[in-house]
Amino acid sequence: MSPVKHVYALHDVEYGPVKVGSSVNPPKRRMNLKTGSPSAEMVYVHIEVVTYELGTMVERLAKETLWHDGYHKIREWFTCPPEVARDYIIAAHARIRGINMPPAIPDRPWIQLGLKFPTR
């Protein structure tokens, strides 16, 4: 059995950007990021638990889609609201697993499998 991986959206509360990443140990990863960040407060807005193999694919699809939709800031950091990053992670996980899931949030019907993400 492979270990689980956590695909997360981590919000830098003071400066605003959201980091999308994956880790087998999110609390440790958060502490490592805080060391290099000027902000004292970084909070998880979402953690999606997946198999280790799926983790990299979910993270990559969420990042690529966020980048495509114009939210990219630098490397793994994005300018979208934290809730939007959460929605993209949930949608990426559903797409990779082939699930036609209902919207996570009623006002975001684009999250359903097969529909394009909105552009800004």
N, C-alpha and C. Protein backbone atom coordinates (compact mmCIF):
# COMPACT_ATOMS: atom_id res chain seq x y z
N MET A 1 0.84 -1.19 0.00
CA MET A 1 0.00 0.00 0.00
C MET A 1 0.89 1.25 0.00
N SER A 2 0.59 2.16 -0.90
CA SER A 2 1.40 3.36 -0.99
C SER A 2 0.95 4.38 0.05
N PRO A 3 1.87 5.24 0.46
CA PRO A 3 1.50 6.28 1.44
C PRO A 3 0.55 7.29 0.82
N VAL A 4 -0.14 8.02 1.68
CA VAL A 4 -1.02 9.07 1.18
C VAL A 4 -0.23 10.34 0.95
N LYS A 5 -0.75 11.16 0.09
CA LYS A 5 -0.16 12.47 -0.17
C LYS A 5 -1.26 13.49 0.00
N HIS A 6 -0.92 14.65 0.48
CA HIS A 6 -1.89 15.70 0.72
C HIS A 6 -1.65 16.83 -0.27
N VAL A 7 -2.66 17.12 -1.07
CA VAL A 7 -2.58 18.26 -1.99
C VAL A 7 -3.28 19.41 -1.27
N TYR A 8 -2.59 20.52 -1.13
CA TYR A 8 -3.09 21.58 -0.27
C TYR A 8 -3.10 22.95 -0.93
N ALA A 9 -3.90 23.83 -0.35
CA ALA A 9 -3.87 25.25 -0.66
C ALA A 9 -3.51 25.94 0.65
N LEU A 10 -2.41 26.64 0.65
CA LEU A 10 -1.91 27.30 1.85
C LEU A 10 -1.95 28.80 1.61
N HIS A 11 -2.66 29.53 2.46
CA HIS A 11 -2.87 30.96 2.28
C HIS A 11 -1.94 31.77 3.16
N ASP A 12 -1.19 32.68 2.55
CA ASP A 12 -0.38 33.63 3.30
C ASP A 12 -1.31 34.79 3.68
N VAL A 13 -1.79 34.76 4.91
CA VAL A 13 -2.83 35.68 5.36
C VAL A 13 -2.40 37.14 5.26
N GLU A 14 -1.16 37.43 5.60
CA GLU A 14 -0.70 38.82 5.61
C GLU A 14 -0.47 39.38 4.22
N TYR A 15 0.12 38.59 3.32
CA TYR A 15 0.50 39.10 2.00
C TYR A 15 -0.45 38.69 0.88
N GLY A 16 -1.30 37.69 1.11
CA GLY A 16 -2.36 37.37 0.18
C GLY A 16 -2.24 36.19 -0.76
N PRO A 17 -1.04 35.83 -1.26
CA PRO A 17 -1.02 34.74 -2.22
C PRO A 17 -1.35 33.39 -1.60
N VAL A 18 -1.69 32.46 -2.48
CA VAL A 18 -2.04 31.10 -2.08
C VAL A 18 -1.05 30.16 -2.73
N LYS A 19 -0.50 29.23 -1.95
CA LYS A 19 0.42 28.23 -2.48
C LYS A 19 -0.34 26.93 -2.68
N VAL A 20 -0.19 26.35 -3.84
CA VAL A 20 -0.75 25.03 -4.12
C VAL A 20 0.44 24.07 -4.17
N GLY A 21 0.35 23.00 -3.41
CA GLY A 21 1.44 22.03 -3.37
C GLY A 21 0.97 20.69 -2.87
N SER A 22 1.92 19.80 -2.66
CA SER A 22 1.59 18.50 -2.11
C SER A 22 2.71 18.07 -1.17
N SER A 23 2.34 17.24 -0.21
CA SER A 23 3.30 16.80 0.79
C SER A 23 2.76 15.56 1.49
N VAL A 24 3.66 14.72 1.97
CA VAL A 24 3.23 13.60 2.80
C VAL A 24 3.06 14.06 4.25
N ASN A 25 3.60 15.23 4.58
CA ASN A 25 3.52 15.77 5.94
C ASN A 25 3.23 17.27 5.89
N PRO A 26 1.94 17.65 5.71
CA PRO A 26 1.60 19.08 5.58
C PRO A 26 2.02 19.96 6.75
N PRO A 27 1.89 19.53 8.01
CA PRO A 27 2.34 20.43 9.09
C PRO A 27 3.83 20.75 9.00
N LYS A 28 4.64 19.75 8.67
CA LYS A 28 6.08 19.99 8.54
C LYS A 28 6.36 20.90 7.35
N ARG A 29 5.65 20.68 6.26
CA ARG A 29 5.83 21.53 5.07
C ARG A 29 5.48 22.97 5.37
N ARG A 30 4.39 23.18 6.11
CA ARG A 30 3.97 24.53 6.48
C ARG A 30 5.05 25.22 7.31
N MET A 31 5.63 24.49 8.25
CA MET A 31 6.69 25.08 9.09
C MET A 31 7.91 25.44 8.24
N ASN A 32 8.26 24.58 7.27
CA ASN A 32 9.39 24.88 6.39
C ASN A 32 9.12 26.14 5.56
N LEU A 33 7.90 26.28 5.09
CA LEU A 33 7.55 27.47 4.30
C LEU A 33 7.53 28.73 5.16
N LYS A 34 7.09 28.61 6.38
CA LYS A 34 7.05 29.79 7.26
C LYS A 34 8.44 30.32 7.53
N THR A 35 9.43 29.44 7.53
CA THR A 35 10.81 29.86 7.75
C THR A 35 11.26 30.84 6.68
N GLY A 36 10.83 30.60 5.43
CA GLY A 36 11.25 31.47 4.33
C GLY A 36 10.26 32.55 3.97
N SER A 37 9.20 32.69 4.76
CA SER A 37 8.17 33.67 4.44
C SER A 37 8.18 34.82 5.43
N PRO A 38 7.99 36.04 4.95
CA PRO A 38 7.94 37.16 5.87
C PRO A 38 6.67 37.18 6.71
N SER A 39 5.66 36.46 6.28
CA SER A 39 4.39 36.45 7.00
C SER A 39 4.43 35.46 8.15
N ALA A 40 3.89 35.85 9.27
CA ALA A 40 3.86 34.97 10.43
C ALA A 40 2.65 34.05 10.41
N GLU A 41 1.67 34.34 9.55
CA GLU A 41 0.46 33.54 9.57
C GLU A 41 0.16 32.93 8.20
N MET A 42 0.30 31.62 8.14
CA MET A 42 -0.04 30.88 6.93
C MET A 42 -1.01 29.78 7.35
N VAL A 43 -2.17 29.75 6.73
CA VAL A 43 -3.19 28.79 7.13
C VAL A 43 -3.61 27.93 5.93
N TYR A 44 -3.89 26.67 6.22
CA TYR A 44 -4.41 25.78 5.18
C TYR A 44 -5.87 26.11 4.95
N VAL A 45 -6.25 26.27 3.70
CA VAL A 45 -7.65 26.47 3.37
C VAL A 45 -8.25 25.17 2.84
N HIS A 46 -7.40 24.26 2.44
CA HIS A 46 -7.90 22.97 1.97
C HIS A 46 -6.77 21.96 1.93
N ILE A 47 -7.09 20.73 2.31
CA ILE A 47 -6.15 19.62 2.16
C ILE A 47 -6.92 18.45 1.57
N GLU A 48 -6.52 18.01 0.40
CA GLU A 48 -7.15 16.87 -0.27
C GLU A 48 -6.22 15.67 -0.09
N VAL A 49 -6.73 14.62 0.53
CA VAL A 49 -5.92 13.43 0.77
C VAL A 49 -6.10 12.46 -0.39
N VAL A 50 -5.00 12.09 -1.00
CA VAL A 50 -5.04 11.19 -2.16
C VAL A 50 -3.92 10.16 -2.03
N THR A 51 -3.93 9.18 -2.91
CA THR A 51 -2.81 8.24 -2.91
C THR A 51 -1.56 8.99 -3.36
N TYR A 52 -0.42 8.46 -3.02
CA TYR A 52 0.83 9.12 -3.36
C TYR A 52 0.93 9.35 -4.87
N GLU A 53 0.54 8.34 -5.65
CA GLU A 53 0.64 8.45 -7.10
C GLU A 53 -0.28 9.54 -7.65
N LEU A 54 -1.50 9.63 -7.12
CA LEU A 54 -2.44 10.64 -7.59
C LEU A 54 -2.05 12.04 -7.15
N GLY A 55 -1.36 12.16 -6.04
CA GLY A 55 -1.02 13.46 -5.49
C GLY A 55 -0.31 14.38 -6.46
N THR A 56 0.70 13.84 -7.14
CA THR A 56 1.45 14.65 -8.09
C THR A 56 0.58 15.07 -9.25
N MET A 57 -0.28 14.17 -9.73
CA MET A 57 -1.16 14.50 -10.86
C MET A 57 -2.20 15.55 -10.48
N VAL A 58 -2.79 15.41 -9.29
CA VAL A 58 -3.80 16.38 -8.83
C VAL A 58 -3.15 17.75 -8.67
N GLU A 59 -1.99 17.79 -8.02
CA GLU A 59 -1.28 19.05 -7.83
C GLU A 59 -0.96 19.71 -9.17
N ARG A 60 -0.44 18.93 -10.10
CA ARG A 60 -0.04 19.47 -11.40
C ARG A 60 -1.24 20.02 -12.18
N LEU A 61 -2.35 19.26 -12.21
CA LEU A 61 -3.53 19.72 -12.94
C LEU A 61 -4.12 20.99 -12.32
N ALA A 62 -4.18 21.03 -10.99
CA ALA A 62 -4.71 22.23 -10.32
C ALA A 62 -3.84 23.45 -10.66
N LYS A 63 -2.52 23.29 -10.60
CA LYS A 63 -1.61 24.39 -10.90
C LYS A 63 -1.71 24.83 -12.36
N GLU A 64 -1.72 23.86 -13.27
CA GLU A 64 -1.80 24.20 -14.68
C GLU A 64 -3.09 24.95 -15.00
N THR A 65 -4.19 24.54 -14.39
CA THR A 65 -5.46 25.18 -14.66
C THR A 65 -5.50 26.58 -14.04
N LEU A 66 -4.98 26.73 -12.83
CA LEU A 66 -4.89 28.06 -12.21
C LEU A 66 -4.03 28.98 -13.07
N TRP A 67 -2.91 28.46 -13.54
CA TRP A 67 -2.02 29.26 -14.39
C TRP A 67 -2.74 29.66 -15.68
N HIS A 68 -3.40 28.68 -16.31
CA HIS A 68 -4.11 28.94 -17.56
C HIS A 68 -5.19 30.01 -17.38
N ASP A 69 -5.84 30.02 -16.23
CA ASP A 69 -6.92 30.97 -15.97
C ASP A 69 -6.43 32.32 -15.45
N GLY A 70 -5.12 32.53 -15.46
CA GLY A 70 -4.57 33.85 -15.15
C GLY A 70 -4.30 34.15 -13.69
N TYR A 71 -4.23 33.13 -12.86
CA TYR A 71 -4.01 33.37 -11.42
C TYR A 71 -2.55 33.24 -10.99
N HIS A 72 -1.65 32.94 -11.90
CA HIS A 72 -0.27 32.66 -11.52
C HIS A 72 0.45 33.90 -11.00
N LYS A 73 1.21 33.74 -9.93
CA LYS A 73 2.02 34.83 -9.39
C LYS A 73 3.50 34.50 -9.64
N ILE A 74 4.01 33.51 -8.92
CA ILE A 74 5.39 33.06 -9.09
C ILE A 74 5.51 31.63 -8.56
N ARG A 75 6.17 30.80 -9.30
CA ARG A 75 6.35 29.38 -8.98
C ARG A 75 5.03 28.73 -8.56
N GLU A 76 4.90 28.33 -7.31
CA GLU A 76 3.69 27.63 -6.85
C GLU A 76 2.71 28.55 -6.14
N TRP A 77 2.88 29.83 -6.29
CA TRP A 77 2.02 30.82 -5.62
C TRP A 77 1.06 31.43 -6.63
N PHE A 78 -0.19 31.64 -6.19
CA PHE A 78 -1.24 32.13 -7.06
C PHE A 78 -1.98 33.30 -6.42
N THR A 79 -2.57 34.15 -7.27
CA THR A 79 -3.24 35.37 -6.80
C THR A 79 -4.72 35.20 -6.56
N CYS A 80 -5.24 34.00 -6.72
CA CYS A 80 -6.68 33.78 -6.53
C CYS A 80 -7.06 33.79 -5.06
N PRO A 81 -8.34 34.01 -4.76
CA PRO A 81 -8.79 33.85 -3.37
C PRO A 81 -8.56 32.40 -2.92
N PRO A 82 -8.34 32.18 -1.65
CA PRO A 82 -8.07 30.83 -1.15
C PRO A 82 -9.16 29.82 -1.51
N GLU A 83 -10.40 30.26 -1.50
CA GLU A 83 -11.51 29.36 -1.80
C GLU A 83 -11.47 28.89 -3.25
N VAL A 84 -10.98 29.73 -4.14
CA VAL A 84 -10.87 29.36 -5.55
C VAL A 84 -9.80 28.28 -5.71
N ALA A 85 -8.67 28.44 -5.03
CA ALA A 85 -7.62 27.41 -5.08
C ALA A 85 -8.17 26.08 -4.58
N ARG A 86 -8.94 26.13 -3.51
CA ARG A 86 -9.57 24.92 -2.98
C ARG A 86 -10.45 24.25 -4.04
N ASP A 87 -11.26 25.05 -4.73
CA ASP A 87 -12.16 24.51 -5.75
C ASP A 87 -11.38 23.86 -6.89
N TYR A 88 -10.28 24.47 -7.30
CA TYR A 88 -9.48 23.92 -8.39
C TYR A 88 -8.85 22.58 -7.97
N ILE A 89 -8.43 22.47 -6.73
CA ILE A 89 -7.86 21.20 -6.26
C ILE A 89 -8.93 20.11 -6.25
N ILE A 90 -10.10 20.43 -5.74
CA ILE A 90 -11.20 19.46 -5.70
C ILE A 90 -11.57 19.03 -7.12
N ALA A 91 -11.66 19.98 -8.04
CA ALA A 91 -12.02 19.67 -9.42
C ALA A 91 -10.94 18.84 -10.10
N ALA A 92 -9.67 19.16 -9.84
CA ALA A 92 -8.57 18.39 -10.44
C ALA A 92 -8.62 16.94 -9.96
N HIS A 93 -8.87 16.75 -8.68
CA HIS A 93 -8.96 15.40 -8.13
C HIS A 93 -10.10 14.64 -8.78
N ALA A 94 -11.25 15.28 -8.93
CA ALA A 94 -12.40 14.63 -9.54
C ALA A 94 -12.12 14.29 -11.01
N ARG A 95 -11.50 15.21 -11.73
CA ARG A 95 -11.22 14.97 -13.15
C ARG A 95 -10.29 13.78 -13.32
N ILE A 96 -9.25 13.71 -12.52
CA ILE A 96 -8.29 12.62 -12.64
C ILE A 96 -8.93 11.28 -12.28
N ARG A 97 -9.79 11.28 -11.31
CA ARG A 97 -10.47 10.04 -10.91
C ARG A 97 -11.65 9.70 -11.81
N GLY A 98 -12.02 10.62 -12.70
CA GLY A 98 -13.11 10.36 -13.63
C GLY A 98 -14.48 10.46 -12.99
N ILE A 99 -14.58 11.28 -11.96
CA ILE A 99 -15.84 11.42 -11.24
C ILE A 99 -16.57 12.67 -11.72
N ASN A 100 -17.84 12.52 -12.01
CA ASN A 100 -18.67 13.68 -12.34
C ASN A 100 -19.32 14.12 -11.04
N MET A 101 -18.60 14.93 -10.30
CA MET A 101 -19.06 15.33 -8.98
C MET A 101 -19.97 16.54 -9.04
N PRO A 102 -20.86 16.67 -8.06
CA PRO A 102 -21.68 17.88 -8.00
C PRO A 102 -20.79 19.06 -7.60
N PRO A 103 -21.24 20.27 -7.86
CA PRO A 103 -20.44 21.44 -7.48
C PRO A 103 -20.16 21.44 -5.98
N ALA A 104 -18.94 21.82 -5.64
CA ALA A 104 -18.58 21.92 -4.23
C ALA A 104 -19.26 23.13 -3.61
N ILE A 105 -19.47 24.14 -4.42
CA ILE A 105 -20.12 25.36 -3.98
C ILE A 105 -21.20 25.68 -5.01
N PRO A 106 -22.43 25.93 -4.58
CA PRO A 106 -23.53 26.12 -5.54
C PRO A 106 -23.28 27.19 -6.60
N ASP A 107 -22.55 28.24 -6.27
CA ASP A 107 -22.33 29.30 -7.26
C ASP A 107 -21.13 29.03 -8.17
N ARG A 108 -20.58 27.84 -8.12
CA ARG A 108 -19.45 27.48 -8.97
C ARG A 108 -19.77 26.20 -9.77
N PRO A 109 -20.75 26.28 -10.70
CA PRO A 109 -21.13 25.08 -11.45
C PRO A 109 -20.03 24.57 -12.37
N TRP A 110 -19.04 25.38 -12.69
CA TRP A 110 -17.95 24.97 -13.58
C TRP A 110 -17.09 23.88 -12.99
N ILE A 111 -17.24 23.60 -11.71
CA ILE A 111 -16.40 22.60 -11.08
C ILE A 111 -16.74 21.18 -11.53
N GLN A 112 -17.88 21.01 -12.18
CA GLN A 112 -18.27 19.68 -12.63
C GLN A 112 -17.30 19.17 -13.69
N LEU A 113 -17.07 17.90 -13.67
CA LEU A 113 -16.17 17.26 -14.61
C LEU A 113 -16.60 17.55 -16.05
N GLY A 114 -15.64 17.88 -16.87
CA GLY A 114 -15.91 18.06 -18.28
C GLY A 114 -16.21 19.48 -18.69
N LEU A 115 -16.50 20.35 -17.75
CA LEU A 115 -16.75 21.74 -18.09
C LEU A 115 -15.47 22.54 -17.97
N LYS A 116 -15.33 23.56 -18.79
CA LYS A 116 -14.15 24.41 -18.72
C LYS A 116 -14.22 25.29 -17.48
N PHE A 117 -13.07 25.57 -16.93
CA PHE A 117 -13.01 26.52 -15.84
C PHE A 117 -13.29 27.90 -16.41
N PRO A 118 -13.87 28.78 -15.63
CA PRO A 118 -14.15 30.12 -16.14
C PRO A 118 -12.87 30.90 -16.33
N THR A 119 -12.88 31.79 -17.26
CA THR A 119 -11.75 32.70 -17.39
C THR A 119 -12.16 34.03 -16.80
N ARG A 120 -11.20 34.77 -16.35
CA ARG A 120 -11.52 36.03 -15.71
C ARG A 120 -11.75 37.11 -16.71
